[in-house]
Amino acid sequence: ENFQRNIEKQLIVTTDSELFIHIFNKILSTEEQKMIYPTMVTTITADTVTSIISMLDSINVCYGAVSVSKFPSSQSVYGSQYEVVNGYWKHVNCSKILLDSNNICLMCKRLMYSIK
């Protein structure tokens, strides 16, 4: 059994008031962060942090295509286009953030169909 801790969404505020958002331990690019919180923040206040946490709480994230335990030999077939994240096969270009009610992004959905 793998009992590794996985954090789905994480907000980090540095002492320099920089904001970093991680989805499943991967830092989001500036463009991806703007999808969650589009307003440029110059001063970090408690209200700002609360607002960003609320936004993070409301978004859906891509969990990946299929469980590695169900399809363990997929790496040899698909190579470097895919990676294992939290026990699931994910496309390396996974969008991480979902703008709709789905639980899988387009790239991971394509991967799922090709594996199955």
N, C-alpha and C. Protein backbone atom coordinates (compact mmCIF):
# COMPACT_ATOMS: atom_id res chain seq x y z
N GLU A 1 0.82 -1.19 0.00
CA GLU A 1 0.00 0.00 0.00
C GLU A 1 0.87 1.25 0.00
N ASN A 2 0.42 2.26 -0.72
CA ASN A 2 1.11 3.55 -0.76
C ASN A 2 0.32 4.53 0.10
N PHE A 3 0.91 4.93 1.21
CA PHE A 3 0.24 5.85 2.12
C PHE A 3 0.85 7.25 2.05
N GLN A 4 1.31 7.61 0.87
CA GLN A 4 1.89 8.93 0.65
C GLN A 4 0.79 9.98 0.77
N ARG A 5 1.12 11.09 1.40
CA ARG A 5 0.17 12.19 1.54
C ARG A 5 0.13 12.99 0.25
N ASN A 6 -1.08 13.26 -0.21
CA ASN A 6 -1.27 14.06 -1.42
C ASN A 6 -2.17 15.24 -1.09
N ILE A 7 -1.71 16.41 -1.47
CA ILE A 7 -2.49 17.62 -1.23
C ILE A 7 -3.10 18.04 -2.55
N GLU A 8 -4.42 18.06 -2.61
CA GLU A 8 -5.12 18.38 -3.85
C GLU A 8 -4.88 19.83 -4.26
N LYS A 9 -5.13 20.76 -3.35
CA LYS A 9 -4.97 22.19 -3.64
C LYS A 9 -4.23 22.83 -2.49
N GLN A 10 -3.27 23.67 -2.83
CA GLN A 10 -2.47 24.32 -1.78
C GLN A 10 -2.17 25.76 -2.18
N LEU A 11 -2.35 26.66 -1.25
CA LEU A 11 -2.01 28.07 -1.43
C LEU A 11 -0.84 28.38 -0.53
N ILE A 12 0.20 28.95 -1.11
CA ILE A 12 1.38 29.35 -0.33
C ILE A 12 1.53 30.86 -0.47
N VAL A 13 1.64 31.53 0.66
CA VAL A 13 1.91 32.96 0.69
C VAL A 13 3.27 33.13 1.36
N THR A 14 4.23 33.68 0.63
CA THR A 14 5.58 33.84 1.16
C THR A 14 5.68 35.10 2.02
N THR A 15 6.79 35.23 2.72
CA THR A 15 7.02 36.43 3.54
C THR A 15 7.14 37.68 2.67
N ASP A 16 7.44 37.49 1.38
CA ASP A 16 7.50 38.61 0.44
C ASP A 16 6.14 38.87 -0.21
N SER A 17 5.10 38.25 0.32
CA SER A 17 3.73 38.40 -0.18
C SER A 17 3.55 37.88 -1.61
N GLU A 18 4.32 36.87 -1.98
CA GLU A 18 4.12 36.21 -3.26
C GLU A 18 3.13 35.08 -3.06
N LEU A 19 2.28 34.87 -4.06
CA LEU A 19 1.30 33.80 -4.00
C LEU A 19 1.71 32.67 -4.94
N PHE A 20 1.64 31.45 -4.44
CA PHE A 20 1.89 30.27 -5.25
C PHE A 20 0.75 29.29 -5.00
N ILE A 21 0.21 28.77 -6.09
CA ILE A 21 -0.86 27.79 -5.98
C ILE A 21 -0.35 26.48 -6.56
N HIS A 22 -0.56 25.41 -5.80
CA HIS A 22 -0.16 24.07 -6.24
C HIS A 22 -1.41 23.21 -6.38
N ILE A 23 -1.44 22.40 -7.42
CA ILE A 23 -2.47 21.39 -7.59
C ILE A 23 -1.74 20.05 -7.64
N PHE A 24 -2.05 19.17 -6.71
CA PHE A 24 -1.37 17.88 -6.59
C PHE A 24 0.15 18.04 -6.65
N ASN A 25 0.67 18.94 -5.84
CA ASN A 25 2.11 19.17 -5.68
C ASN A 25 2.79 19.76 -6.91
N LYS A 26 2.04 20.24 -7.89
CA LYS A 26 2.63 20.90 -9.06
C LYS A 26 2.22 22.36 -9.03
N ILE A 27 3.22 23.22 -9.13
CA ILE A 27 2.94 24.66 -9.08
C ILE A 27 2.25 25.10 -10.37
N LEU A 28 1.27 25.95 -10.22
CA LEU A 28 0.57 26.48 -11.39
C LEU A 28 1.36 27.64 -11.98
N SER A 29 1.30 27.75 -13.29
CA SER A 29 1.93 28.88 -13.96
C SER A 29 1.14 30.14 -13.62
N THR A 30 1.71 31.28 -13.94
CA THR A 30 1.02 32.56 -13.71
C THR A 30 -0.31 32.59 -14.45
N GLU A 31 -0.33 32.08 -15.69
CA GLU A 31 -1.56 32.05 -16.48
C GLU A 31 -2.61 31.16 -15.82
N GLU A 32 -2.18 30.00 -15.32
CA GLU A 32 -3.11 29.09 -14.65
C GLU A 32 -3.64 29.71 -13.36
N GLN A 33 -2.78 30.41 -12.63
CA GLN A 33 -3.21 31.06 -11.40
C GLN A 33 -4.25 32.15 -11.69
N LYS A 34 -4.09 32.83 -12.82
CA LYS A 34 -5.05 33.88 -13.19
C LYS A 34 -6.43 33.30 -13.49
N MET A 35 -6.49 32.01 -13.86
CA MET A 35 -7.79 31.37 -14.06
C MET A 35 -8.54 31.26 -12.74
N ILE A 36 -7.80 31.10 -11.65
CA ILE A 36 -8.41 30.96 -10.33
C ILE A 36 -8.68 32.32 -9.71
N TYR A 37 -7.69 33.20 -9.81
CA TYR A 37 -7.81 34.52 -9.20
C TYR A 37 -7.28 35.55 -10.20
N PRO A 38 -8.15 36.04 -11.10
CA PRO A 38 -7.71 36.89 -12.21
C PRO A 38 -7.22 38.28 -11.83
N THR A 39 -7.58 38.78 -10.67
CA THR A 39 -7.18 40.12 -10.28
C THR A 39 -5.73 40.12 -9.81
N MET A 40 -4.97 41.07 -10.30
CA MET A 40 -3.58 41.20 -9.86
C MET A 40 -3.57 41.70 -8.42
N VAL A 41 -2.90 40.98 -7.56
CA VAL A 41 -2.87 41.32 -6.14
C VAL A 41 -1.56 42.04 -5.83
N THR A 42 -1.67 43.25 -5.29
CA THR A 42 -0.46 43.98 -4.92
C THR A 42 -0.23 43.93 -3.42
N THR A 43 -1.31 43.96 -2.66
CA THR A 43 -1.21 43.88 -1.21
C THR A 43 -1.99 42.66 -0.74
N ILE A 44 -1.31 41.80 -0.02
CA ILE A 44 -1.95 40.59 0.49
C ILE A 44 -2.55 40.89 1.87
N THR A 45 -3.85 40.74 1.95
CA THR A 45 -4.54 40.93 3.23
C THR A 45 -5.21 39.60 3.61
N ALA A 46 -5.73 39.55 4.81
CA ALA A 46 -6.47 38.35 5.24
C ALA A 46 -7.68 38.13 4.34
N ASP A 47 -8.32 39.22 3.92
CA ASP A 47 -9.48 39.10 3.03
C ASP A 47 -9.08 38.55 1.67
N THR A 48 -7.91 38.96 1.17
CA THR A 48 -7.41 38.45 -0.11
C THR A 48 -7.18 36.95 -0.02
N VAL A 49 -6.51 36.52 1.03
CA VAL A 49 -6.23 35.09 1.22
C VAL A 49 -7.53 34.31 1.36
N THR A 50 -8.47 34.84 2.12
CA THR A 50 -9.77 34.18 2.29
C THR A 50 -10.49 34.05 0.95
N SER A 51 -10.43 35.09 0.15
CA SER A 51 -11.07 35.07 -1.16
C SER A 51 -10.43 34.03 -2.08
N ILE A 52 -9.12 33.97 -2.10
CA ILE A 52 -8.42 32.99 -2.95
C ILE A 52 -8.71 31.57 -2.47
N ILE A 53 -8.74 31.37 -1.17
CA ILE A 53 -9.07 30.04 -0.63
C ILE A 53 -10.49 29.64 -1.06
N SER A 54 -11.42 30.57 -1.03
CA SER A 54 -12.79 30.28 -1.47
C SER A 54 -12.82 29.91 -2.95
N MET A 55 -12.06 30.63 -3.76
CA MET A 55 -11.98 30.31 -5.19
C MET A 55 -11.38 28.93 -5.39
N LEU A 56 -10.29 28.64 -4.68
CA LEU A 56 -9.66 27.32 -4.79
C LEU A 56 -10.63 26.22 -4.39
N ASP A 57 -11.38 26.47 -3.35
CA ASP A 57 -12.33 25.48 -2.86
C ASP A 57 -13.41 25.18 -3.88
N SER A 58 -13.75 26.16 -4.70
CA SER A 58 -14.85 25.99 -5.64
C SER A 58 -14.46 25.35 -6.97
N ILE A 59 -13.18 25.31 -7.30
CA ILE A 59 -12.78 24.77 -8.60
C ILE A 59 -12.64 23.25 -8.55
N ASN A 60 -12.83 22.64 -9.71
CA ASN A 60 -12.59 21.21 -9.87
C ASN A 60 -11.20 21.01 -10.45
N VAL A 61 -10.58 19.91 -10.09
CA VAL A 61 -9.26 19.59 -10.61
C VAL A 61 -9.30 18.23 -11.29
N CYS A 62 -8.38 18.02 -12.22
CA CYS A 62 -8.29 16.76 -12.95
C CYS A 62 -7.52 15.75 -12.11
N TYR A 63 -8.14 14.61 -11.88
CA TYR A 63 -7.49 13.56 -11.10
C TYR A 63 -6.67 12.62 -11.97
N GLY A 64 -6.82 12.70 -13.27
CA GLY A 64 -6.08 11.82 -14.17
C GLY A 64 -7.00 10.86 -14.89
N ALA A 65 -6.37 10.00 -15.71
CA ALA A 65 -7.14 9.13 -16.59
C ALA A 65 -7.64 7.86 -15.91
N VAL A 66 -6.72 7.00 -15.55
CA VAL A 66 -7.07 5.71 -14.95
C VAL A 66 -6.05 5.35 -13.90
N SER A 67 -6.44 4.46 -13.02
CA SER A 67 -5.56 4.01 -11.95
C SER A 67 -4.39 3.20 -12.51
N VAL A 68 -3.20 3.49 -12.01
CA VAL A 68 -2.01 2.76 -12.43
C VAL A 68 -2.15 1.28 -12.05
N SER A 69 -2.76 1.01 -10.92
CA SER A 69 -2.89 -0.39 -10.48
C SER A 69 -3.76 -1.22 -11.43
N LYS A 70 -4.69 -0.57 -12.13
CA LYS A 70 -5.52 -1.29 -13.10
C LYS A 70 -4.84 -1.45 -14.45
N PHE A 71 -3.93 -0.53 -14.78
CA PHE A 71 -3.23 -0.56 -16.06
C PHE A 71 -1.74 -0.32 -15.84
N PRO A 72 -1.04 -1.24 -15.19
CA PRO A 72 0.37 -1.01 -14.82
C PRO A 72 1.34 -0.98 -16.00
N SER A 73 1.00 -1.60 -17.11
CA SER A 73 1.95 -1.68 -18.23
C SER A 73 1.80 -0.54 -19.23
N SER A 74 1.01 0.44 -18.94
CA SER A 74 0.77 1.53 -19.88
C SER A 74 2.00 2.38 -20.15
N GLN A 75 2.93 2.47 -19.21
CA GLN A 75 4.13 3.29 -19.39
C GLN A 75 4.92 2.83 -20.61
N SER A 76 5.07 1.53 -20.78
CA SER A 76 5.85 1.03 -21.91
C SER A 76 5.18 1.32 -23.24
N VAL A 77 3.86 1.42 -23.24
CA VAL A 77 3.12 1.68 -24.46
C VAL A 77 3.12 3.17 -24.82
N TYR A 78 2.94 4.02 -23.82
CA TYR A 78 2.74 5.45 -24.09
C TYR A 78 3.96 6.32 -23.79
N GLY A 79 4.94 5.79 -23.11
CA GLY A 79 6.20 6.48 -22.91
C GLY A 79 6.13 7.79 -22.17
N SER A 80 6.87 8.77 -22.67
CA SER A 80 7.08 10.02 -21.94
C SER A 80 5.92 11.01 -22.03
N GLN A 81 4.87 10.70 -22.76
CA GLN A 81 3.73 11.61 -22.84
C GLN A 81 2.89 11.57 -21.57
N TYR A 82 3.11 10.56 -20.75
CA TYR A 82 2.27 10.35 -19.59
C TYR A 82 3.10 10.17 -18.35
N GLU A 83 2.52 10.49 -17.21
CA GLU A 83 3.22 10.37 -15.94
C GLU A 83 2.25 9.86 -14.89
N VAL A 84 2.83 9.36 -13.82
CA VAL A 84 2.02 8.88 -12.71
C VAL A 84 1.93 10.00 -11.67
N VAL A 85 0.71 10.38 -11.33
CA VAL A 85 0.47 11.38 -10.30
C VAL A 85 -0.60 10.82 -9.36
N ASN A 86 -0.23 10.66 -8.10
CA ASN A 86 -1.16 10.16 -7.09
C ASN A 86 -1.79 8.82 -7.45
N GLY A 87 -1.02 7.97 -8.11
CA GLY A 87 -1.51 6.64 -8.45
C GLY A 87 -2.36 6.58 -9.70
N TYR A 88 -2.42 7.68 -10.46
CA TYR A 88 -3.19 7.72 -11.69
C TYR A 88 -2.30 8.12 -12.86
N TRP A 89 -2.60 7.57 -14.04
CA TRP A 89 -1.93 8.03 -15.25
C TRP A 89 -2.50 9.39 -15.61
N LYS A 90 -1.62 10.35 -15.86
CA LYS A 90 -2.03 11.69 -16.30
C LYS A 90 -1.21 12.06 -17.52
N HIS A 91 -1.81 12.80 -18.41
CA HIS A 91 -1.09 13.33 -19.57
C HIS A 91 -0.17 14.43 -19.07
N VAL A 92 1.03 14.54 -19.66
CA VAL A 92 1.97 15.58 -19.21
C VAL A 92 1.42 16.98 -19.48
N ASN A 93 0.48 17.11 -20.40
CA ASN A 93 -0.15 18.41 -20.68
C ASN A 93 -1.52 18.53 -20.02
N CYS A 94 -1.72 17.80 -18.95
CA CYS A 94 -2.98 17.88 -18.19
C CYS A 94 -3.22 19.34 -17.79
N SER A 95 -4.45 19.80 -17.96
CA SER A 95 -4.75 21.20 -17.64
C SER A 95 -4.89 21.46 -16.15
N LYS A 96 -4.95 20.44 -15.33
CA LYS A 96 -5.03 20.52 -13.87
C LYS A 96 -6.33 21.16 -13.39
N ILE A 97 -6.67 22.34 -13.91
CA ILE A 97 -7.86 23.08 -13.49
C ILE A 97 -8.98 22.82 -14.49
N LEU A 98 -10.16 22.51 -13.98
CA LEU A 98 -11.31 22.26 -14.85
C LEU A 98 -12.29 23.41 -14.72
N LEU A 99 -12.71 23.94 -15.84
CA LEU A 99 -13.61 25.08 -15.84
C LEU A 99 -15.08 24.66 -15.87
N ASP A 100 -15.33 23.36 -15.83
CA ASP A 100 -16.70 22.87 -15.81
C ASP A 100 -16.84 21.85 -14.69
N SER A 101 -17.91 21.10 -14.69
CA SER A 101 -18.16 20.16 -13.59
C SER A 101 -17.52 18.79 -13.81
N ASN A 102 -16.73 18.65 -14.86
CA ASN A 102 -16.05 17.37 -15.10
C ASN A 102 -15.00 17.10 -14.03
N ASN A 103 -14.52 15.86 -13.99
CA ASN A 103 -13.42 15.54 -13.09
C ASN A 103 -12.21 15.04 -13.87
N ILE A 104 -12.19 15.32 -15.19
CA ILE A 104 -11.07 14.91 -16.02
C ILE A 104 -10.92 15.92 -17.17
N CYS A 105 -9.68 16.28 -17.47
CA CYS A 105 -9.43 17.24 -18.55
C CYS A 105 -9.43 16.52 -19.90
N LEU A 106 -9.43 17.28 -20.97
CA LEU A 106 -9.49 16.73 -22.32
C LEU A 106 -8.30 15.81 -22.61
N MET A 107 -7.09 16.21 -22.24
CA MET A 107 -5.91 15.40 -22.53
C MET A 107 -5.94 14.08 -21.76
N CYS A 108 -6.34 14.12 -20.51
CA CYS A 108 -6.42 12.88 -19.72
C CYS A 108 -7.57 12.01 -20.20
N LYS A 109 -8.65 12.63 -20.70
CA LYS A 109 -9.76 11.86 -21.24
C LYS A 109 -9.31 11.10 -22.49
N ARG A 110 -8.53 11.76 -23.34
CA ARG A 110 -7.99 11.08 -24.52
C ARG A 110 -7.09 9.92 -24.11
N LEU A 111 -6.28 10.16 -23.10
CA LEU A 111 -5.42 9.10 -22.57
C LEU A 111 -6.26 7.93 -22.07
N MET A 112 -7.32 8.23 -21.35
CA MET A 112 -8.19 7.18 -20.81
C MET A 112 -8.76 6.32 -21.93
N TYR A 113 -9.24 6.95 -23.00
CA TYR A 113 -9.80 6.19 -24.12
C TYR A 113 -8.74 5.35 -24.81
N SER A 114 -7.53 5.87 -24.92
CA SER A 114 -6.48 5.10 -25.59
C SER A 114 -5.99 3.93 -24.74
N ILE A 115 -6.01 4.08 -23.43
CA ILE A 115 -5.58 2.98 -22.55
C ILE A 115 -6.64 1.89 -22.51
N LYS A 116 -7.90 2.29 -22.40
CA LYS A 116 -8.98 1.30 -22.30
C LYS A 116 -9.22 0.71 -23.66
